[in-house]
Amino acid sequence: MEFLSIIKTLGALLMGLLCLWITTPSLKSVITKDFDVVNGKCTIEISSSGRSSDSTFNMIDTDEQFSFMEIPELDAYGKSIPYYCEITVTKDHMWEMDYKIYNLKTRQLMDSHTGE
């Protein structure tokens, strides 16, 4: 029985170290506030599952996707409704920090989430 608990403890330690190793580059960017801003034409899709809903920003120029737990307060969503978006992400583009959504033609700010 003691051998089994040692194996479980070592397994948990290795999993913790693996998680730390994977997140360290992003964590360093968050702590030092070293971010990138991805901007350009985008579309926003809303998906719901159970009690939660989230929004996916599809950046058309860079072919990247970023997800947020918040739903922007806009009149319309979907692949056929383009906006101009500024997404703040970590340097490795693994963690989304905040977004700003502008009218594509007038560049007037329509909605934003500052992450605070």
PDB file of N, CA and C in Angstrom:
ATOM      1  N   MET A   1       0.812  -1.192   0.000  1.00  0.00           N
ATOM      2  CA  MET A   1       0.000   0.000   0.000  1.00  0.00           C
ATOM      3  C   MET A   1       0.862   1.267   0.000  1.00  0.00           C
ATOM      4  N   GLU A   2       1.944   1.255   0.730  1.00  0.00           N
ATOM      5  CA  GLU A   2       2.812   2.425   0.793  1.00  0.00           C
ATOM      6  C   GLU A   2       3.443   2.701  -0.568  1.00  0.00           C
ATOM      7  N   PHE A   3       3.795   1.662  -1.296  1.00  0.00           N
ATOM      8  CA  PHE A   3       4.388   1.809  -2.620  1.00  0.00           C
ATOM      9  C   PHE A   3       3.411   2.496  -3.567  1.00  0.00           C
ATOM     10  N   LEU A   4       2.131   2.137  -3.496  1.00  0.00           N
ATOM     11  CA  LEU A   4       1.106   2.723  -4.353  1.00  0.00           C
ATOM     12  C   LEU A   4       0.942   4.220  -4.079  1.00  0.00           C
ATOM     13  N   SER A   5       0.984   4.623  -2.815  1.00  0.00           N
ATOM     14  CA  SER A   5       0.845   6.042  -2.490  1.00  0.00           C
ATOM     15  C   SER A   5       2.076   6.834  -2.956  1.00  0.00           C
ATOM     16  N   ILE A   6       3.249   6.233  -2.926  1.00  0.00           N
ATOM     17  CA  ILE A   6       4.458   6.895  -3.431  1.00  0.00           C
ATOM     18  C   ILE A   6       4.346   7.106  -4.937  1.00  0.00           C
ATOM     19  N   ILE A   7       3.850   6.118  -5.664  1.00  0.00           N
ATOM     20  CA  ILE A   7       3.673   6.218  -7.118  1.00  0.00           C
ATOM     21  C   ILE A   7       2.657   7.318  -7.446  1.00  0.00           C
ATOM     22  N   LYS A   8       1.547   7.377  -6.692  1.00  0.00           N
ATOM     23  CA  LYS A   8       0.538   8.415  -6.919  1.00  0.00           C
ATOM     24  C   LYS A   8       1.121   9.799  -6.661  1.00  0.00           C
ATOM     25  N   THR A   9       1.905   9.940  -5.604  1.00  0.00           N
ATOM     26  CA  THR A   9       2.504  11.227  -5.266  1.00  0.00           C
ATOM     27  C   THR A   9       3.492  11.659  -6.345  1.00  0.00           C
ATOM     28  N   LEU A  10       4.315  10.739  -6.819  1.00  0.00           N
ATOM     29  CA  LEU A  10       5.261  11.059  -7.892  1.00  0.00           C
ATOM     30  C   LEU A  10       4.528  11.422  -9.190  1.00  0.00           C
ATOM     31  N   GLY A  11       3.450  10.707  -9.473  1.00  0.00           N
ATOM     32  CA  GLY A  11       2.651  11.008 -10.663  1.00  0.00           C
ATOM     33  C   GLY A  11       2.049  12.401 -10.587  1.00  0.00           C
ATOM     34  N   ALA A  12       1.506  12.766  -9.423  1.00  0.00           N
ATOM     35  CA  ALA A  12       0.942  14.105  -9.240  1.00  0.00           C
ATOM     36  C   ALA A  12       2.025  15.174  -9.358  1.00  0.00           C
ATOM     37  N   LEU A  13       3.195  14.917  -8.810  1.00  0.00           N
ATOM     38  CA  LEU A  13       4.307  15.858  -8.898  1.00  0.00           C
ATOM     39  C   LEU A  13       4.730  16.049 -10.349  1.00  0.00           C
ATOM     40  N   LEU A  14       4.830  14.964 -11.105  1.00  0.00           N
ATOM     41  CA  LEU A  14       5.211  15.062 -12.516  1.00  0.00           C
ATOM     42  C   LEU A  14       4.161  15.816 -13.334  1.00  0.00           C
ATOM     43  N   MET A  15       2.888  15.584 -13.047  1.00  0.00           N
ATOM     44  CA  MET A  15       1.825  16.309 -13.753  1.00  0.00           C
ATOM     45  C   MET A  15       1.890  17.808 -13.428  1.00  0.00           C
ATOM     46  N   GLY A  16       2.144  18.141 -12.175  1.00  0.00           N
ATOM     47  CA  GLY A  16       2.282  19.537 -11.779  1.00  0.00           C
ATOM     48  C   GLY A  16       3.452  20.206 -12.469  1.00  0.00           C
ATOM     49  N   LEU A  17       4.580  19.511 -12.544  1.00  0.00           N
ATOM     50  CA  LEU A  17       5.753  20.053 -13.228  1.00  0.00           C
ATOM     51  C   LEU A  17       5.493  20.232 -14.721  1.00  0.00           C
ATOM     52  N   LEU A  18       4.765  19.289 -15.327  1.00  0.00           N
ATOM     53  CA  LEU A  18       4.422  19.394 -16.740  1.00  0.00           C
ATOM     54  C   LEU A  18       3.536  20.616 -16.987  1.00  0.00           C
ATOM     55  N   CYS A  19       2.538  20.811 -16.149  1.00  0.00           N
ATOM     56  CA  CYS A  19       1.661  21.987 -16.284  1.00  0.00           C
ATOM     57  C   CYS A  19       2.452  23.281 -16.115  1.00  0.00           C
ATOM     58  N   LEU A  20       3.351  23.319 -15.160  1.00  0.00           N
ATOM     59  CA  LEU A  20       4.179  24.503 -14.937  1.00  0.00           C
ATOM     60  C   LEU A  20       5.081  24.769 -16.136  1.00  0.00           C
ATOM     61  N   TRP A  21       5.667  23.723 -16.685  1.00  0.00           N
ATOM     62  CA  TRP A  21       6.554  23.848 -17.841  1.00  0.00           C
ATOM     63  C   TRP A  21       5.796  24.384 -19.063  1.00  0.00           C
ATOM     64  N   ILE A  22       4.552  23.931 -19.245  1.00  0.00           N
ATOM     65  CA  ILE A  22       3.754  24.364 -20.395  1.00  0.00           C
ATOM     66  C   ILE A  22       3.332  25.820 -20.253  1.00  0.00           C
ATOM     67  N   THR A  23       2.967  26.253 -19.045  1.00  0.00           N
ATOM     68  CA  THR A  23       2.430  27.602 -18.857  1.00  0.00           C
ATOM     69  C   THR A  23       3.468  28.660 -18.526  1.00  0.00           C
ATOM     70  N   THR A  24       4.689  28.287 -18.250  1.00  0.00           N
ATOM     71  CA  THR A  24       5.708  29.259 -17.842  1.00  0.00           C
ATOM     72  C   THR A  24       5.920  30.382 -18.856  1.00  0.00           C
ATOM     73  N   PRO A  25       6.040  30.121 -20.161  1.00  0.00           N
ATOM     74  CA  PRO A  25       6.233  31.252 -21.093  1.00  0.00           C
ATOM     75  C   PRO A  25       5.071  32.246 -21.054  1.00  0.00           C
ATOM     76  N   SER A  26       3.848  31.755 -21.016  1.00  0.00           N
ATOM     77  CA  SER A  26       2.684  32.632 -20.962  1.00  0.00           C
ATOM     78  C   SER A  26       2.602  33.348 -19.627  1.00  0.00           C
ATOM     79  N   LEU A  27       2.894  32.641 -18.549  1.00  0.00           N
ATOM     80  CA  LEU A  27       2.838  33.233 -17.220  1.00  0.00           C
ATOM     81  C   LEU A  27       3.840  34.374 -17.099  1.00  0.00           C
ATOM     82  N   LYS A  28       5.013  34.184 -17.682  1.00  0.00           N
ATOM     83  CA  LYS A  28       6.031  35.245 -17.665  1.00  0.00           C
ATOM     84  C   LYS A  28       5.523  36.484 -18.405  1.00  0.00           C
ATOM     85  N   SER A  29       4.850  36.296 -19.527  1.00  0.00           N
ATOM     86  CA  SER A  29       4.302  37.423 -20.276  1.00  0.00           C
ATOM     87  C   SER A  29       3.218  38.148 -19.488  1.00  0.00           C
ATOM     88  N   VAL A  30       2.390  37.403 -18.763  1.00  0.00           N
ATOM     89  CA  VAL A  30       1.324  38.015 -17.980  1.00  0.00           C
ATOM     90  C   VAL A  30       1.910  38.825 -16.832  1.00  0.00           C
ATOM     91  N   ILE A  31       2.897  38.280 -16.145  1.00  0.00           N
ATOM     92  CA  ILE A  31       3.492  38.972 -14.999  1.00  0.00           C
ATOM     93  C   ILE A  31       4.227  40.230 -15.446  1.00  0.00           C
ATOM     94  N   THR A  32       4.989  40.151 -16.531  1.00  0.00           N
ATOM     95  CA  THR A  32       5.751  41.310 -17.006  1.00  0.00           C
ATOM     96  C   THR A  32       4.924  42.235 -17.902  1.00  0.00           C
ATOM     97  N   LYS A  33       3.666  41.862 -18.142  1.00  0.00           N
ATOM     98  CA  LYS A  33       2.759  42.640 -18.993  1.00  0.00           C
ATOM     99  C   LYS A  33       3.370  42.898 -20.365  1.00  0.00           C
ATOM    100  N   ASP A  34       3.919  41.849 -20.950  1.00  0.00           N
ATOM    101  CA  ASP A  34       4.541  41.882 -22.268  1.00  0.00           C
ATOM    102  C   ASP A  34       3.541  41.272 -23.254  1.00  0.00           C
ATOM    103  N   PHE A  35       2.722  42.126 -23.889  1.00  0.00           N
ATOM    104  CA  PHE A  35       1.631  41.649 -24.715  1.00  0.00           C
ATOM    105  C   PHE A  35       1.801  42.038 -26.175  1.00  0.00           C
ATOM    106  N   ASP A  36       1.072  41.339 -27.033  1.00  0.00           N
ATOM    107  CA  ASP A  36       0.934  41.672 -28.443  1.00  0.00           C
ATOM    108  C   ASP A  36      -0.494  42.144 -28.679  1.00  0.00           C
ATOM    109  N   VAL A  37      -0.685  42.981 -29.678  1.00  0.00           N
ATOM    110  CA  VAL A  37      -2.029  43.370 -30.090  1.00  0.00           C
ATOM    111  C   VAL A  37      -2.224  42.869 -31.511  1.00  0.00           C
ATOM    112  N   VAL A  38      -3.211  41.995 -31.685  1.00  0.00           N
ATOM    113  CA  VAL A  38      -3.566  41.476 -33.001  1.00  0.00           C
ATOM    114  C   VAL A  38      -4.771  42.292 -33.452  1.00  0.00           C
ATOM    115  N   ASN A  39      -4.659  42.938 -34.618  1.00  0.00           N
ATOM    116  CA  ASN A  39      -5.774  43.755 -35.063  1.00  0.00           C
ATOM    117  C   ASN A  39      -6.066  43.505 -36.525  1.00  0.00           C
ATOM    118  N   GLY A  40      -7.280  43.842 -36.906  1.00  0.00           N
ATOM    119  CA  GLY A  40      -7.713  43.677 -38.281  1.00  0.00           C
ATOM    120  C   GLY A  40      -9.178  43.320 -38.368  1.00  0.00           C
ATOM    121  N   LYS A  41      -9.594  42.985 -39.561  1.00  0.00           N
ATOM    122  CA  LYS A  41     -10.974  42.616 -39.822  1.00  0.00           C
ATOM    123  C   LYS A  41     -11.286  41.295 -39.127  1.00  0.00           C
ATOM    124  N   CYS A  42     -12.465  41.220 -38.490  1.00  0.00           N
ATOM    125  CA  CYS A  42     -12.819  39.996 -37.760  1.00  0.00           C
ATOM    126  C   CYS A  42     -14.317  39.744 -37.834  1.00  0.00           C
ATOM    127  N   THR A  43     -14.695  38.517 -37.541  1.00  0.00           N
ATOM    128  CA  THR A  43     -16.090  38.154 -37.326  1.00  0.00           C
ATOM    129  C   THR A  43     -16.191  37.549 -35.938  1.00  0.00           C
ATOM    130  N   ILE A  44     -17.368  37.602 -35.361  1.00  0.00           N
ATOM    131  CA  ILE A  44     -17.568  37.119 -33.994  1.00  0.00           C
ATOM    132  C   ILE A  44     -18.701  36.110 -33.999  1.00  0.00           C
ATOM    133  N   GLU A  45     -18.420  34.945 -33.441  1.00  0.00           N
ATOM    134  CA  GLU A  45     -19.431  33.900 -33.335  1.00  0.00           C
ATOM    135  C   GLU A  45     -19.701  33.610 -31.866  1.00  0.00           C
ATOM    136  N   ILE A  46     -20.946  33.387 -31.540  1.00  0.00           N
ATOM    137  CA  ILE A  46     -21.367  33.097 -30.171  1.00  0.00           C
ATOM    138  C   ILE A  46     -21.748  31.621 -30.098  1.00  0.00           C
ATOM    139  N   SER A  47     -21.260  30.947 -29.067  1.00  0.00           N
ATOM    140  CA  SER A  47     -21.642  29.548 -28.851  1.00  0.00           C
ATOM    141  C   SER A  47     -22.067  29.372 -27.400  1.00  0.00           C
ATOM    142  N   SER A  48     -23.055  28.521 -27.196  1.00  0.00           N
ATOM    143  CA  SER A  48     -23.539  28.254 -25.847  1.00  0.00           C
ATOM    144  C   SER A  48     -23.559  26.755 -25.613  1.00  0.00           C
ATOM    145  N   SER A  49     -23.209  26.400 -24.394  1.00  0.00           N
ATOM    146  CA  SER A  49     -23.304  25.005 -23.984  1.00  0.00           C
ATOM    147  C   SER A  49     -23.715  24.992 -22.518  1.00  0.00           C
ATOM    148  N   GLY A  50     -24.893  24.488 -22.268  1.00  0.00           N
ATOM    149  CA  GLY A  50     -25.383  24.474 -20.893  1.00  0.00           C
ATOM    150  C   GLY A  50     -25.653  25.880 -20.401  1.00  0.00           C
ATOM    151  N   ARG A  51     -25.079  26.223 -19.279  1.00  0.00           N
ATOM    152  CA  ARG A  51     -25.287  27.543 -18.680  1.00  0.00           C
ATOM    153  C   ARG A  51     -24.299  28.592 -19.166  1.00  0.00           C
ATOM    154  N   SER A  52     -23.243  28.167 -19.826  1.00  0.00           N
ATOM    155  CA  SER A  52     -22.205  29.128 -20.221  1.00  0.00           C
ATOM    156  C   SER A  52     -22.270  29.434 -21.710  1.00  0.00           C
ATOM    157  N   SER A  53     -21.878  30.649 -22.032  1.00  0.00           N
ATOM    158  CA  SER A  53     -21.770  31.097 -23.420  1.00  0.00           C
ATOM    159  C   SER A  53     -20.417  31.756 -23.594  1.00  0.00           C
ATOM    160  N   ASP A  54     -19.889  31.667 -24.800  1.00  0.00           N
ATOM    161  CA  ASP A  54     -18.635  32.360 -25.066  1.00  0.00           C
ATOM    162  C   ASP A  54     -18.636  32.887 -26.489  1.00  0.00           C
ATOM    163  N   SER A  55     -17.698  33.778 -26.744  1.00  0.00           N
ATOM    164  CA  SER A  55     -17.581  34.383 -28.066  1.00  0.00           C
ATOM    165  C   SER A  55     -16.224  34.022 -28.659  1.00  0.00           C
ATOM    166  N   THR A  56     -16.232  33.737 -29.935  1.00  0.00           N
ATOM    167  CA  THR A  56     -15.011  33.418 -30.667  1.00  0.00           C
ATOM    168  C   THR A  56     -14.774  34.507 -31.707  1.00  0.00           C
ATOM    169  N   PHE A  57     -13.615  35.124 -31.613  1.00  0.00           N
ATOM    170  CA  PHE A  57     -13.216  36.167 -32.559  1.00  0.00           C
ATOM    171  C   PHE A  57     -12.378  35.503 -33.643  1.00  0.00           C
ATOM    172  N   ASN A  58     -12.847  35.531 -34.868  1.00  0.00           N
ATOM    173  CA  ASN A  58     -12.123  34.976 -36.010  1.00  0.00           C
ATOM    174  C   ASN A  58     -11.431  36.124 -36.736  1.00  0.00           C
ATOM    175  N   MET A  59     -10.125  36.183 -36.619  1.00  0.00           N
ATOM    176  CA  MET A  59      -9.350  37.235 -37.273  1.00  0.00           C
ATOM    177  C   MET A  59      -9.139  36.829 -38.731  1.00  0.00           C
ATOM    178  N   ILE A  60      -9.693  37.585 -39.636  1.00  0.00           N
ATOM    179  CA  ILE A  60      -9.687  37.222 -41.052  1.00  0.00           C
ATOM    180  C   ILE A  60      -8.291  37.341 -41.657  1.00  0.00           C
ATOM    181  N   ASP A  61      -7.565  38.409 -41.342  1.00  0.00           N
ATOM    182  CA  ASP A  61      -6.251  38.634 -41.952  1.00  0.00           C
ATOM    183  C   ASP A  61      -5.201  37.630 -41.493  1.00  0.00           C
ATOM    184  N   THR A  62      -5.221  37.259 -40.214  1.00  0.00           N
ATOM    185  CA  THR A  62      -4.186  36.372 -39.678  1.00  0.00           C
ATOM    186  C   THR A  62      -4.659  34.933 -39.528  1.00  0.00           C
ATOM    187  N   ASP A  63      -5.938  34.674 -39.771  1.00  0.00           N
ATOM    188  CA  ASP A  63      -6.519  33.334 -39.665  1.00  0.00           C
ATOM    189  C   ASP A  63      -6.331  32.746 -38.258  1.00  0.00           C
ATOM    190  N   GLU A  64      -6.468  33.591 -37.238  1.00  0.00           N
ATOM    191  CA  GLU A  64      -6.369  33.152 -35.850  1.00  0.00           C
ATOM    192  C   GLU A  64      -7.738  33.248 -35.200  1.00  0.00           C
ATOM    193  N   GLN A  65      -7.928  32.464 -34.138  1.00  0.00           N
ATOM    194  CA  GLN A  65      -9.155  32.508 -33.370  1.00  0.00           C
ATOM    195  C   GLN A  65      -8.830  32.774 -31.909  1.00  0.00           C
ATOM    196  N   PHE A  66      -9.634  33.632 -31.279  1.00  0.00           N
ATOM    197  CA  PHE A  66      -9.473  33.948 -29.864  1.00  0.00           C
ATOM    198  C   PHE A  66     -10.832  33.844 -29.199  1.00  0.00           C
ATOM    199  N   SER A  67     -10.859  33.258 -28.012  1.00  0.00           N
ATOM    200  CA  SER A  67     -12.123  33.036 -27.305  1.00  0.00           C
ATOM    201  C   SER A  67     -12.172  33.822 -26.007  1.00  0.00           C
ATOM    202  N   PHE A  68     -13.367  34.310 -25.700  1.00  0.00           N
ATOM    203  CA  PHE A  68     -13.628  35.022 -24.462  1.00  0.00           C
ATOM    204  C   PHE A  68     -14.916  34.473 -23.852  1.00  0.00           C
ATOM    205  N   MET A  69     -14.980  34.485 -22.538  1.00  0.00           N
ATOM    206  CA  MET A  69     -16.171  34.007 -21.842  1.00  0.00           C
ATOM    207  C   MET A  69     -17.308  35.030 -21.910  1.00  0.00           C
ATOM    208  N   GLU A  70     -17.010  36.268 -22.246  1.00  0.00           N
ATOM    209  CA  GLU A  70     -18.014  37.313 -22.324  1.00  0.00           C
ATOM    210  C   GLU A  70     -18.615  37.354 -23.730  1.00  0.00           C
ATOM    211  N   ILE A  71     -19.843  37.825 -23.792  1.00  0.00           N
ATOM    212  CA  ILE A  71     -20.478  38.046 -25.085  1.00  0.00           C
ATOM    213  C   ILE A  71     -20.542  39.551 -25.310  1.00  0.00           C
ATOM    214  N   PRO A  72     -19.929  40.055 -26.373  1.00  0.00           N
ATOM    215  CA  PRO A  72     -19.964  41.495 -26.638  1.00  0.00           C
ATOM    216  C   PRO A  72     -21.396  41.980 -26.876  1.00  0.00           C
ATOM    217  N   GLU A  73     -21.668  43.184 -26.468  1.00  0.00           N
ATOM    218  CA  GLU A  73     -22.991  43.774 -26.663  1.00  0.00           C
ATOM    219  C   GLU A  73     -23.046  44.439 -28.033  1.00  0.00           C
ATOM    220  N   LEU A  74     -23.357  43.638 -29.031  1.00  0.00           N
ATOM    221  CA  LEU A  74     -23.443  44.106 -30.411  1.00  0.00           C
ATOM    222  C   LEU A  74     -24.820  43.775 -30.964  1.00  0.00           C
ATOM    223  N   ASP A  75     -25.182  44.442 -32.056  1.00  0.00           N
ATOM    224  CA  ASP A  75     -26.484  44.194 -32.672  1.00  0.00           C
ATOM    225  C   ASP A  75     -26.539  42.876 -33.424  1.00  0.00           C
ATOM    226  N   ALA A  76     -25.407  42.452 -34.010  1.00  0.00           N
ATOM    227  CA  ALA A  76     -25.417  41.251 -34.840  1.00  0.00           C
ATOM    228  C   ALA A  76     -24.087  40.499 -34.716  1.00  0.00           C
ATOM    229  N   TYR A  77     -24.173  39.176 -34.891  1.00  0.00           N
ATOM    230  CA  TYR A  77     -23.002  38.315 -34.825  1.00  0.00           C
ATOM    231  C   TYR A  77     -23.022  37.387 -36.039  1.00  0.00           C
ATOM    232  N   GLY A  78     -21.895  36.748 -36.319  1.00  0.00           N
ATOM    233  CA  GLY A  78     -21.853  35.734 -37.361  1.00  0.00           C
ATOM    234  C   GLY A  78     -20.779  35.990 -38.392  1.00  0.00           C
ATOM    235  N   LYS A  79     -20.628  35.001 -39.268  1.00  0.00           N
ATOM    236  CA  LYS A  79     -19.576  35.050 -40.280  1.00  0.00           C
ATOM    237  C   LYS A  79     -19.796  36.141 -41.317  1.00  0.00           C
ATOM    238  N   SER A  80     -21.033  36.570 -41.502  1.00  0.00           N
ATOM    239  CA  SER A  80     -21.312  37.566 -42.533  1.00  0.00           C
ATOM    240  C   SER A  80     -21.254  39.001 -42.008  1.00  0.00           C
ATOM    241  N   ILE A  81     -21.016  39.195 -40.696  1.00  0.00           N
ATOM    242  CA  ILE A  81     -20.969  40.529 -40.103  1.00  0.00           C
ATOM    243  C   ILE A  81     -19.523  40.854 -39.727  1.00  0.00           C
ATOM    244  N   PRO A  82     -18.807  41.644 -40.541  1.00  0.00           N
ATOM    245  CA  PRO A  82     -17.409  41.970 -40.215  1.00  0.00           C
ATOM    246  C   PRO A  82     -17.294  43.188 -39.288  1.00  0.00           C
ATOM    247  N   TYR A  83     -16.292  43.159 -38.450  1.00  0.00           N
ATOM    248  CA  TYR A  83     -15.932  44.257 -37.561  1.00  0.00           C
ATOM    249  C   TYR A  83     -14.428  44.475 -37.663  1.00  0.00           C
ATOM    250  N   TYR A  84     -13.946  45.550 -37.054  1.00  0.00           N
ATOM    251  CA  TYR A  84     -12.510  45.755 -36.899  1.00  0.00           C
ATOM    252  C   TYR A  84     -12.216  45.498 -35.427  1.00  0.00           C
ATOM    253  N   CYS A  85     -11.311  44.555 -35.137  1.00  0.00           N
ATOM    254  CA  CYS A  85     -11.047  44.147 -33.759  1.00  0.00           C
ATOM    255  C   CYS A  85      -9.575  44.356 -33.394  1.00  0.00           C
ATOM    256  N   GLU A  86      -9.359  44.676 -32.132  1.00  0.00           N
ATOM    257  CA  GLU A  86      -8.020  44.706 -31.542  1.00  0.00           C
ATOM    258  C   GLU A  86      -8.048  43.752 -30.359  1.00  0.00           C
ATOM    259  N   ILE A  87      -7.271  42.677 -30.444  1.00  0.00           N
ATOM    260  CA  ILE A  87      -7.223  41.659 -29.399  1.00  0.00           C
ATOM    261  C   ILE A  87      -5.845  41.726 -28.747  1.00  0.00           C
ATOM    262  N   THR A  88      -5.804  41.908 -27.443  1.00  0.00           N
ATOM    263  CA  THR A  88      -4.545  41.906 -26.702  1.00  0.00           C
ATOM    264  C   THR A  88      -4.300  40.496 -26.193  1.00  0.00           C
ATOM    265  N   VAL A  89      -3.138  39.932 -26.551  1.00  0.00           N
ATOM    266  CA  VAL A  89      -2.788  38.558 -26.192  1.00  0.00           C
ATOM    267  C   VAL A  89      -1.354  38.520 -25.665  1.00  0.00           C
ATOM    268  N   THR A  90      -0.991  37.407 -25.028  1.00  0.00           N
ATOM    269  CA  THR A  90       0.401  37.230 -24.614  1.00  0.00           C
ATOM    270  C   THR A  90       1.263  37.062 -25.862  1.00  0.00           C
ATOM    271  N   LYS A  91       2.570  37.215 -25.717  1.00  0.00           N
ATOM    272  CA  LYS A  91       3.494  37.150 -26.860  1.00  0.00           C
ATOM    273  C   LYS A  91       3.375  35.849 -27.647  1.00  0.00           C
ATOM    274  N   ASP A  92       3.079  34.757 -26.947  1.00  0.00           N
ATOM    275  CA  ASP A  92       2.963  33.470 -27.641  1.00  0.00           C
ATOM    276  C   ASP A  92       1.546  33.206 -28.166  1.00  0.00           C
ATOM    277  N   HIS A  93       0.647  34.183 -28.033  1.00  0.00           N
ATOM    278  CA  HIS A  93      -0.740  34.116 -28.505  1.00  0.00           C
ATOM    279  C   HIS A  93      -1.521  32.972 -27.860  1.00  0.00           C
ATOM    280  N   MET A  94      -1.145  32.574 -26.656  1.00  0.00           N
ATOM    281  CA  MET A  94      -1.835  31.481 -25.961  1.00  0.00           C
ATOM    282  C   MET A  94      -2.945  31.982 -25.038  1.00  0.00           C
ATOM    283  N   TRP A  95      -2.853  33.202 -24.530  1.00  0.00           N
ATOM    284  CA  TRP A  95      -3.818  33.723 -23.568  1.00  0.00           C
ATOM    285  C   TRP A  95      -4.368  35.045 -24.065  1.00  0.00           C
ATOM    286  N   GLU A  96      -5.686  35.126 -24.131  1.00  0.00           N
ATOM    287  CA  GLU A  96      -6.358  36.354 -24.515  1.00  0.00           C
ATOM    288  C   GLU A  96      -6.505  37.241 -23.281  1.00  0.00           C
ATOM    289  N   MET A  97      -6.203  38.521 -23.417  1.00  0.00           N
ATOM    290  CA  MET A  97      -6.293  39.446 -22.290  1.00  0.00           C
ATOM    291  C   MET A  97      -7.526  40.334 -22.410  1.00  0.00           C
ATOM    292  N   ASP A  98      -7.674  41.039 -23.515  1.00  0.00           N
ATOM    293  CA  ASP A  98      -8.844  41.891 -23.709  1.00  0.00           C
ATOM    294  C   ASP A  98      -9.098  42.121 -25.185  1.00  0.00           C
ATOM    295  N   TYR A  99     -10.233  42.772 -25.463  1.00  0.00           N
ATOM    296  CA  TYR A  99     -10.588  43.058 -26.853  1.00  0.00           C
ATOM    297  C   TYR A  99     -11.255  44.420 -26.964  1.00  0.00           C
ATOM    298  N   LYS A 100     -11.191  44.964 -28.182  1.00  0.00           N
ATOM    299  CA  LYS A 100     -11.923  46.169 -28.554  1.00  0.00           C
ATOM    300  C   LYS A 100     -12.534  45.897 -29.924  1.00  0.00           C
ATOM    301  N   ILE A 101     -13.809  46.240 -30.055  1.00  0.00           N
ATOM    302  CA  ILE A 101     -14.521  46.016 -31.311  1.00  0.00           C
ATOM    303  C   ILE A 101     -14.934  47.378 -31.863  1.00  0.00           C
ATOM    304  N   TYR A 102     -14.581  47.613 -33.131  1.00  0.00           N
ATOM    305  CA  TYR A 102     -14.881  48.867 -33.795  1.00  0.00           C
ATOM    306  C   TYR A 102     -15.773  48.624 -35.005  1.00  0.00           C
ATOM    307  N   ASN A 103     -16.526  49.639 -35.391  1.00  0.00           N
ATOM    308  CA  ASN A 103     -17.259  49.605 -36.639  1.00  0.00           C
ATOM    309  C   ASN A 103     -16.226  49.540 -37.759  1.00  0.00           C
ATOM    310  N   LEU A 104     -16.415  48.644 -38.697  1.00  0.00           N
ATOM    311  CA  LEU A 104     -15.426  48.436 -39.753  1.00  0.00           C
ATOM    312  C   LEU A 104     -15.221  49.679 -40.615  1.00  0.00           C
ATOM    313  N   LYS A 105     -16.286  50.423 -40.892  1.00  0.00           N
ATOM    314  CA  LYS A 105     -16.171  51.576 -41.786  1.00  0.00           C
ATOM    315  C   LYS A 105     -15.761  52.844 -41.047  1.00  0.00           C
ATOM    316  N   THR A 106     -16.370  53.127 -39.905  1.00  0.00           N
ATOM    317  CA  THR A 106     -16.118  54.400 -39.216  1.00  0.00           C
ATOM    318  C   THR A 106     -15.037  54.307 -38.150  1.00  0.00           C
ATOM    319  N   ARG A 107     -14.650  53.087 -37.767  1.00  0.00           N
ATOM    320  CA  ARG A 107     -13.680  52.835 -36.698  1.00  0.00           C
ATOM    321  C   ARG A 107     -14.131  53.423 -35.356  1.00  0.00           C
ATOM    322  N   GLN A 108     -15.436  53.519 -35.171  1.00  0.00           N
ATOM    323  CA  GLN A 108     -15.997  53.973 -33.902  1.00  0.00           C
ATOM    324  C   GLN A 108     -16.051  52.777 -32.953  1.00  0.00           C
ATOM    325  N   LEU A 109     -15.588  52.971 -31.706  1.00  0.00           N
ATOM    326  CA  LEU A 109     -15.578  51.893 -30.711  1.00  0.00           C
ATOM    327  C   LEU A 109     -17.011  51.479 -30.401  1.00  0.00           C
ATOM    328  N   MET A 110     -17.289  50.172 -30.532  1.00  0.00           N
ATOM    329  CA  MET A 110     -18.625  49.649 -30.283  1.00  0.00           C
ATOM    330  C   MET A 110     -18.708  48.911 -28.951  1.00  0.00           C
ATOM    331  N   ASP A 111     -17.645  48.192 -28.585  1.00  0.00           N
ATOM    332  CA  ASP A 111     -17.630  47.443 -27.324  1.00  0.00           C
ATOM    333  C   ASP A 111     -16.184  47.104 -26.986  1.00  0.00           C
ATOM    334  N   SER A 112     -15.935  46.916 -25.701  1.00  0.00           N
ATOM    335  CA  SER A 112     -14.587  46.525 -25.279  1.00  0.00           C
ATOM    336  C   SER A 112     -14.665  45.759 -23.972  1.00  0.00           C
ATOM    337  N   HIS A 113     -13.644  44.989 -23.749  1.00  0.00           N
ATOM    338  CA  HIS A 113     -13.468  44.263 -22.480  1.00  0.00           C
ATOM    339  C   HIS A 113     -12.019  44.455 -22.079  1.00  0.00           C
ATOM    340  N   THR A 114     -11.801  45.057 -20.913  1.00  0.00           N
ATOM    341  CA  THR A 114     -10.444  45.389 -20.523  1.00  0.00           C
ATOM    342  C   THR A 114      -9.780  44.322 -19.668  1.00  0.00           C
ATOM    343  N   GLY A 115     -10.487  43.267 -19.310  1.00  0.00           N
ATOM    344  CA  GLY A 115      -9.874  42.201 -18.531  1.00  0.00           C
ATOM    345  C   GLY A 115      -9.720  42.498 -17.056  1.00  0.00           C
ATOM    346  N   GLU A 116     -10.302  43.556 -16.577  1.00  0.00           N
ATOM    347  CA  GLU A 116     -10.183  43.926 -15.166  1.00  0.00           C
ATOM    348  C   GLU A 116     -11.408  43.487 -14.406  1.00  0.00           C
TER     349      GLU A 116
END
